[in-house]
């Protein structure tokens, strides 16, 4: 193949050659990555295995010799102090024979020399002392004084406490006891008669519901709806009112305020008429004379003001009344200059006693 043919071949197959080279590079890269991953895992496993096999070596900068006191115990031959962390160690005869142990607190390896093994059977009862020798690799504990270990510890026989001599029986002379005659309890007196059941009365009067003999039908003005139910006299809003629903001015119609239990009062405050403004006040009728009745059977008549004022009409009773309801009946009215409907905006009660 001449140069021109090779050139044409390369131009036609450039894309294929590039693709082949890229695929080859990817395969080589993946192969190398897998090998590196396997090598890293093996190295980590070997490192962990070596760490588990090798004892922990704690190096100390203190090169001076110190005495470690080993104390004899019944089941444990010695108790010693670790030179690395000052932890109290329990050293048994088997540990001395083995020649080494590890501190459970810091992992320090403690090695015992042959001198200690030779003196196991010759350890006296006196507390031995050990010398601590520290080098760059480990700490040796050498028993510098012989001691004897005995397992047959016998405690002295327990002695029974001396018995207390029994006291001789005491004899007492017979004495004559005079029993006083039995006393009889006085006859029980009859219980006092029961008083009348307590009847709770609210000293701060308040009425929660209201009803009436009739109600004016709702009035629509634009998009607003105005209603005139009896409870409007208890809503603390002077722009609302109760309005009777009779065809005339409502003589004989009534409104009643109710309470759950008796209320003590001596004054009734009535906001007479529709108190929204002066114009509406005079367009509608107002109560002139009314009869006020209570649940105890008492009643009184009152004459209310028919003039527009911010001050309401106050009806003061001669005596304080305990009542569960107040019934106000219309006896006569002040005429309105446009409507024949009689209105009452608010009714309140008060106890001045």
Protein backbone atom coordinates (compact mmCIF):
# COMPACT_ATOMS: atom_id res chain seq x y z
CA UNK A 1 0.00 0.00 0.00
CA UNK A 2 1.51 3.33 -1.07
CA UNK A 3 1.43 6.54 0.94
CA UNK A 4 -1.70 7.85 -0.75
CA UNK A 5 -3.56 4.62 -0.04
CA UNK A 6 -2.46 4.66 3.62
CA UNK A 7 -3.55 8.27 3.93
CA UNK A 8 -6.97 7.48 2.49
CA UNK A 9 -7.33 4.48 4.79
CA UNK A 10 -6.49 6.52 7.86
CA UNK A 11 -8.91 9.28 6.88
CA UNK A 12 -11.73 6.79 6.39
CA UNK A 13 -11.07 4.80 9.60
CA UNK A 14 -9.97 7.55 11.98
CA UNK A 15 -13.16 7.27 14.06
CA UNK A 16 -12.84 3.51 14.40
CA UNK A 17 -9.22 3.76 15.47
CA UNK A 18 -10.02 6.38 18.08
CA UNK A 19 -12.84 4.27 19.47
CA UNK A 20 -10.58 1.23 19.66
CA UNK A 21 -7.89 3.19 21.48
CA UNK A 22 -10.38 4.60 23.98
CA UNK A 23 -11.87 1.18 24.75
CA UNK A 24 -8.39 -0.26 25.23
CA UNK A 25 -7.46 2.54 27.63
CA UNK A 26 -10.66 2.00 29.66
CA UNK A 27 -10.02 -1.74 29.97
CA UNK A 28 -6.46 -1.13 31.14
CA UNK A 29 -7.65 1.50 33.63
CA UNK A 30 -10.29 -0.82 35.12
CA UNK A 31 -7.78 -3.66 35.37
CA UNK A 32 -5.28 -1.49 37.22
CA UNK A 33 -8.00 -0.14 39.54
CA UNK A 34 -9.12 -3.67 40.49
CA UNK A 35 -5.53 -4.67 41.25
CA UNK A 36 -5.03 -1.60 43.46
CA UNK A 37 -8.27 -2.29 45.32
CA UNK A 38 -7.21 -5.90 46.04
CA UNK A 39 -3.78 -4.77 47.25
CA UNK A 40 -5.26 -2.14 49.57
CA UNK A 41 -7.69 -4.65 51.12
CA UNK A 42 -4.91 -7.17 51.75
CA UNK A 43 -2.68 -4.53 53.34
CA UNK A 44 -5.50 -3.43 55.67
CA UNK A 45 -6.18 -7.04 56.72
CA UNK A 46 -2.50 -7.66 57.40
CA UNK A 47 -2.19 -4.45 59.40
CA UNK A 48 -5.19 -5.33 61.58
CA UNK A 49 -3.86 -8.84 62.15
CA UNK A 50 -0.47 -7.46 63.21
CA UNK A 51 -2.11 -5.02 65.59
CA UNK A 52 -4.04 -7.85 67.23
CA UNK A 53 -0.92 -10.06 67.57
CA UNK A 54 1.49 -7.40 68.88
CA UNK A 55 1.16 -6.41 72.56
CA UNK A 56 0.69 -2.80 73.48
CA UNK A 57 3.94 -1.24 74.62
CA UNK A 58 3.77 1.78 76.84
CA UNK A 59 7.04 3.68 77.06
CA UNK A 60 7.84 5.65 80.17
CA UNK A 61 10.20 8.59 80.45
CA UNK A 62 10.89 7.77 84.11
CA UNK A 63 14.10 5.73 84.38
CA UNK A 64 14.30 5.73 88.18
CA UNK A 65 13.64 2.50 90.13
CA UNK A 66 10.51 2.32 92.28
CA UNK A 67 9.30 -0.24 94.77
CA UNK A 68 5.98 -1.99 94.10
CA UNK A 69 4.34 -3.60 97.11
CA UNK A 70 2.66 -6.95 96.44
CA UNK A 71 0.04 -7.94 99.00
CA UNK A 72 -0.90 -11.52 99.71
CA UNK A 73 -4.58 -12.50 99.41
CA UNK A 74 -6.51 -15.71 99.99
CA UNK A 75 -7.22 -16.58 96.32
CA UNK A 76 -4.92 -14.02 94.66
CA UNK A 77 -1.20 -14.22 95.46
CA UNK A 78 -0.40 -10.56 94.85
CA UNK A 79 -1.90 -7.17 94.19
CA UNK A 80 0.41 -4.72 92.43
CA UNK A 81 0.27 -1.29 90.78
CA UNK A 82 0.83 -0.91 87.03
CA UNK A 83 3.81 1.46 86.48
CA UNK A 84 2.20 2.97 83.37
CA UNK A 85 -1.27 3.93 84.62
CA UNK A 86 -1.12 3.31 88.41
CA UNK A 87 -3.93 0.73 88.10
CA UNK A 88 -4.11 -1.93 90.82
CA UNK A 89 -3.33 -5.36 89.30
CA UNK A 90 -4.32 -8.77 90.65
CA UNK A 91 -1.33 -11.15 90.23
CA UNK A 92 -1.95 -14.87 90.76
CA UNK A 93 0.47 -17.74 91.05
CA UNK A 94 -0.41 -18.87 87.52
CA UNK A 95 0.55 -15.43 86.15
CA UNK A 96 3.94 -15.65 87.88
CA UNK A 97 4.53 -19.09 86.35
CA UNK A 98 3.55 -17.84 82.89
CA UNK A 99 5.98 -14.97 83.22
CA UNK A 100 3.87 -12.15 81.78
CA UNK A 101 0.51 -10.38 81.99
CA UNK A 102 -1.23 -7.34 80.48
CA UNK A 103 -2.67 -4.41 82.36
CA UNK A 104 -6.46 -4.48 81.68
CA UNK A 105 -6.60 -0.68 81.92
CA UNK A 106 -3.83 0.55 79.59
CA UNK A 107 -2.68 -2.67 77.85
CA UNK A 108 0.89 -2.46 79.26
CA UNK A 109 2.71 -5.81 79.01
CA UNK A 110 4.33 -6.82 82.31
CA UNK A 111 7.06 -9.50 82.22
CA UNK A 112 8.31 -11.39 85.29
CA UNK A 113 11.93 -12.59 85.49
CA UNK A 114 13.11 -16.07 86.50
CA UNK A 115 13.95 -14.82 89.99
CA UNK A 116 10.28 -14.37 90.70
CA UNK A 117 9.41 -17.89 89.44
CA UNK A 118 12.09 -19.47 91.65
CA UNK A 119 10.76 -17.81 94.78
CA UNK A 120 7.15 -18.89 94.41
CA UNK A 121 7.50 -21.71 96.92
CA UNK A 122 9.68 -19.71 99.30
CA UNK A 123 7.63 -16.53 99.74
CA UNK A 124 7.37 -15.61 103.43
CA UNK A 125 4.30 -14.20 105.07
CA UNK A 126 5.86 -10.74 105.11
CA UNK A 127 4.77 -8.50 102.26
CA UNK A 128 7.38 -8.67 99.46
CA UNK A 129 8.64 -5.72 97.53
CA UNK A 130 9.44 -5.56 93.83
CA UNK A 131 11.75 -3.34 91.87
CA UNK A 132 10.49 -1.87 88.63
CA UNK A 133 13.01 -1.77 85.78
CA UNK A 134 11.92 0.10 82.65
CA UNK A 135 13.71 -0.18 79.30
CA UNK A 136 12.77 0.82 75.76
CA UNK A 137 10.64 -2.25 75.04
CA UNK A 138 8.93 -3.58 78.17
CA UNK A 139 8.70 -3.38 81.94
CA UNK A 140 9.99 -6.19 84.13
CA UNK A 141 8.82 -6.81 87.65
CA UNK A 142 11.47 -8.58 89.74
CA UNK A 143 10.70 -9.96 93.20
CA UNK A 144 13.55 -8.75 95.36
CA UNK A 145 12.53 -10.59 98.53
CA UNK A 146 11.35 -14.20 98.84
CA UNK A 147 7.89 -14.99 100.03
CA UNK A 148 5.77 -18.06 100.65
CA UNK A 149 2.30 -18.60 99.23
CA UNK A 150 -0.03 -20.86 101.16
CA UNK A 151 -3.55 -21.74 100.09
CA UNK A 152 -4.57 -23.59 103.27
CA UNK A 153 -5.80 -20.66 105.30
CA UNK A 154 -7.66 -21.79 108.35
CA UNK A 155 -9.55 -19.45 110.53
CA UNK A 156 -9.63 -19.94 114.28
CA UNK A 157 -12.57 -21.96 115.50
CA UNK A 158 -15.52 -19.85 116.27
CA UNK A 159 -16.31 -19.69 119.93
CA UNK A 160 -19.85 -19.50 121.07
CA UNK A 161 -20.72 -16.43 123.08
CA UNK A 162 -21.09 -17.06 126.75
CA UNK A 163 -24.57 -17.75 127.78
CA UNK A 164 -26.20 -15.28 130.10
CA UNK A 165 -27.20 -16.82 133.37
CA UNK A 166 -30.90 -17.01 133.73
CA UNK A 167 -32.39 -14.87 136.40
CA UNK A 168 -34.20 -16.68 139.17
CA UNK A 169 -37.95 -16.57 138.90
CA UNK A 170 -39.40 -13.61 140.66
CA UNK A 171 -42.28 -14.09 143.01
CA UNK A 172 -44.71 -11.33 143.76
CA UNK A 173 -47.20 -11.18 146.55
CA UNK A 174 -50.86 -11.31 145.58
CA UNK A 175 -52.59 -7.96 145.70
CA UNK A 176 -56.28 -7.20 145.86
CA UNK A 177 -57.57 -4.99 143.02
CA UNK A 178 -60.81 -3.12 143.48
CA UNK A 179 -62.78 -2.81 140.25
CA UNK A 180 -64.94 0.31 140.15
CA UNK A 181 -68.56 -0.18 139.16
CA UNK A 182 -69.28 0.14 135.44
CA UNK A 183 -70.48 3.54 134.39
CA UNK A 184 -73.31 3.91 131.99
CA UNK A 185 -73.12 6.41 129.16
CA UNK A 186 -75.72 9.14 129.17
CA UNK A 187 -78.54 8.61 126.69
CA UNK A 188 -77.76 9.93 123.25
CA UNK A 189 -79.49 13.12 122.45
CA UNK A 190 -81.45 13.44 119.25
CA UNK A 191 -79.52 15.14 116.43
CA UNK A 192 -80.43 18.73 115.74
CA UNK A 193 -83.00 19.22 113.03
CA UNK A 194 -81.61 19.63 109.53
CA UNK A 195 -81.50 23.14 108.23
CA UNK A 196 -82.92 24.17 104.90
CA UNK A 197 -80.79 23.21 101.88
CA UNK A 198 -78.35 25.87 100.76
CA UNK A 199 -79.67 27.80 97.78
CA UNK A 200 -76.74 29.46 95.96
CA UNK A 201 -77.20 33.03 94.83
CA UNK A 202 -74.88 35.01 92.59
CA UNK A 203 -74.04 38.33 94.26
CA UNK A 204 -72.76 39.72 90.97
CA UNK A 205 -75.86 39.22 88.82
CA UNK A 206 -75.65 38.16 85.21
CA UNK A 207 -78.24 36.79 82.80
CA UNK A 208 -77.07 34.57 79.94
CA UNK A 209 -80.14 34.00 77.74
CA UNK A 210 -83.24 35.92 76.68
CA UNK A 211 -86.62 35.19 75.10
CA UNK A 212 -89.57 37.29 73.98
CA UNK A 213 -93.25 37.07 73.09
CA UNK A 214 -92.61 38.23 69.50
CA UNK A 215 -89.78 39.38 67.22
CA UNK A 216 -89.76 41.69 64.22
CA UNK A 217 -88.95 39.95 60.95
CA UNK A 218 -85.44 40.49 59.53
CA UNK A 219 -84.91 43.66 57.49
CA UNK A 220 -82.69 43.67 54.38
CA UNK A 221 -80.83 46.82 53.33
CA UNK A 222 -78.64 46.27 50.30
CA UNK A 223 -76.44 43.27 51.06
CA UNK A 224 -76.93 43.51 54.83
CA UNK A 225 -79.42 41.62 56.97
CA UNK A 226 -80.67 43.08 60.27
CA UNK A 227 -82.28 40.82 62.91
CA UNK A 228 -83.95 41.79 66.19
CA UNK A 229 -83.90 38.74 68.51
CA UNK A 230 -84.23 39.08 72.28
CA UNK A 231 -80.60 38.10 72.98
CA UNK A 232 -79.48 41.32 71.25
CA UNK A 233 -80.21 43.06 74.57
CA UNK A 234 -77.31 41.07 76.16
CA UNK A 235 -74.59 41.55 73.50
CA UNK A 236 -73.12 44.84 74.84
CA UNK A 237 -73.74 46.47 71.44
CA UNK A 238 -75.95 49.58 71.43
CA UNK A 239 -76.34 49.44 67.66
CA UNK A 240 -78.40 46.23 67.94
CA UNK A 241 -81.75 45.78 69.68
CA UNK A 242 -84.76 43.61 70.43
CA UNK A 243 -87.82 44.72 68.51
CA UNK A 244 -91.28 43.27 69.15
CA UNK A 245 -93.16 41.83 66.17
CA UNK A 246 -96.72 42.98 66.84
CA UNK A 247 -98.64 44.96 64.20
CA UNK A 248 -99.06 47.98 66.49
CA UNK A 249 -96.60 49.55 68.94
CA UNK A 250 -96.38 46.30 70.92
CA UNK A 251 -98.35 47.01 74.08
CA UNK A 252 -98.64 43.72 75.98
CA UNK A 253 -95.49 42.22 74.39
CA UNK A 254 -92.68 41.23 76.75
CA UNK A 255 -89.02 40.19 76.92
CA UNK A 256 -87.57 37.80 79.57
CA UNK A 257 -83.96 37.44 80.74
CA UNK A 258 -83.00 34.01 82.13
CA UNK A 259 -80.21 32.81 84.47
CA UNK A 260 -79.10 29.29 85.47
CA UNK A 261 -79.61 30.09 89.16
CA UNK A 262 -80.79 32.94 91.34
CA UNK A 263 -79.22 36.36 90.88
CA UNK A 264 -79.25 38.98 93.61
CA UNK A 265 -80.00 42.48 92.30
CA UNK A 266 -81.49 45.79 93.31
CA UNK A 267 -81.17 47.83 90.09
CA UNK A 268 -82.11 47.32 86.43
CA UNK A 269 -80.48 49.47 83.71
CA UNK A 270 -82.38 49.75 80.41
CA UNK A 271 -81.05 51.34 77.21
CA UNK A 272 -84.46 52.27 75.81
CA UNK A 273 -85.10 52.47 72.02
CA UNK A 274 -82.72 51.82 69.11
CA UNK A 275 -79.54 53.60 70.26
CA UNK A 276 -77.58 53.35 67.01
CA UNK A 277 -77.94 57.10 66.47
CA UNK A 278 -80.41 59.90 67.24
CA UNK A 279 -82.23 59.67 63.90
CA UNK A 280 -83.07 55.96 64.26
CA UNK A 281 -83.91 56.49 67.91
CA UNK A 282 -86.77 58.85 67.13
CA UNK A 283 -87.95 56.97 64.02
CA UNK A 284 -88.91 53.96 66.21
CA UNK A 285 -91.08 53.60 69.30
CA UNK A 286 -89.67 53.38 72.86
CA UNK A 287 -91.09 51.92 76.05
CA UNK A 288 -92.83 54.50 78.23
CA UNK A 289 -94.21 52.37 81.07
CA UNK A 290 -93.45 48.72 81.77
CA UNK A 291 -94.08 46.03 84.36
CA UNK A 292 -91.05 44.16 85.75
CA UNK A 293 -91.68 40.71 87.28
CA UNK A 294 -89.31 38.34 89.16
CA UNK A 295 -89.28 34.60 89.87
CA UNK A 296 -90.00 35.12 93.60
CA UNK A 297 -93.45 36.46 92.66
CA UNK A 298 -92.72 40.15 93.25
CA UNK A 299 -93.10 42.82 90.60
CA UNK A 300 -92.87 46.58 90.10
CA UNK A 301 -93.87 49.16 87.50
CA UNK A 302 -91.46 51.70 86.04
CA UNK A 303 -91.58 54.69 83.69
CA UNK A 304 -88.60 55.02 81.32
CA UNK A 305 -87.19 58.08 79.58
CA UNK A 306 -88.17 58.60 75.92
CA UNK A 307 -85.44 61.16 75.09
CA UNK A 308 -82.24 60.35 73.26
CA UNK A 309 -79.33 60.39 75.70
CA UNK A 310 -76.15 58.52 76.40
CA UNK A 311 -77.44 57.88 79.92
CA UNK A 312 -79.77 54.83 80.21
CA UNK A 313 -82.93 54.58 82.30
CA UNK A 314 -82.19 53.15 85.77
CA UNK A 315 -84.88 51.34 87.75
CA UNK A 316 -83.90 51.07 91.43
CA UNK A 317 -85.84 48.49 93.43
CA UNK A 318 -87.08 49.12 96.94
CA UNK A 319 -85.69 45.79 98.22
CA UNK A 320 -83.02 43.41 97.03
CA UNK A 321 -84.42 40.57 94.91
CA UNK A 322 -83.10 37.01 94.38
CA UNK A 323 -84.52 35.89 91.06
CA UNK A 324 -83.89 33.46 88.22
CA UNK A 325 -85.53 35.65 85.57
CA UNK A 326 -86.64 39.18 84.80
CA UNK A 327 -89.78 39.69 82.71
CA UNK A 328 -90.40 43.17 81.25
CA UNK A 329 -93.88 43.77 79.78
CA UNK A 330 -94.71 46.84 77.67
CA UNK A 331 -97.61 48.85 79.15
CA UNK A 332 -97.31 52.02 77.01
CA UNK A 333 -94.91 53.49 74.43
CA UNK A 334 -93.48 56.70 73.02
CA UNK A 335 -94.49 56.92 69.34
CA UNK A 336 -91.89 56.91 66.57
CA UNK A 337 -92.02 59.52 63.78
CA UNK A 338 -91.76 56.84 61.07
CA UNK A 339 -92.16 53.28 62.44
CA UNK A 340 -94.51 51.69 65.01
CA UNK A 341 -91.94 49.17 66.21
CA UNK A 342 -90.86 49.39 69.88
CA UNK A 343 -87.15 48.70 70.50
CA UNK A 344 -84.82 48.04 73.48
CA UNK A 345 -81.04 48.07 72.87
CA UNK A 346 -79.54 46.76 76.14
CA UNK A 347 -80.68 45.50 79.56
CA UNK A 348 -78.21 45.23 82.46
CA UNK A 349 -78.60 44.41 86.17
CA UNK A 350 -76.65 45.47 89.23
CA UNK A 351 -76.32 44.60 92.93
CA UNK A 352 -75.43 47.62 95.06
CA UNK A 353 -75.89 45.91 98.43
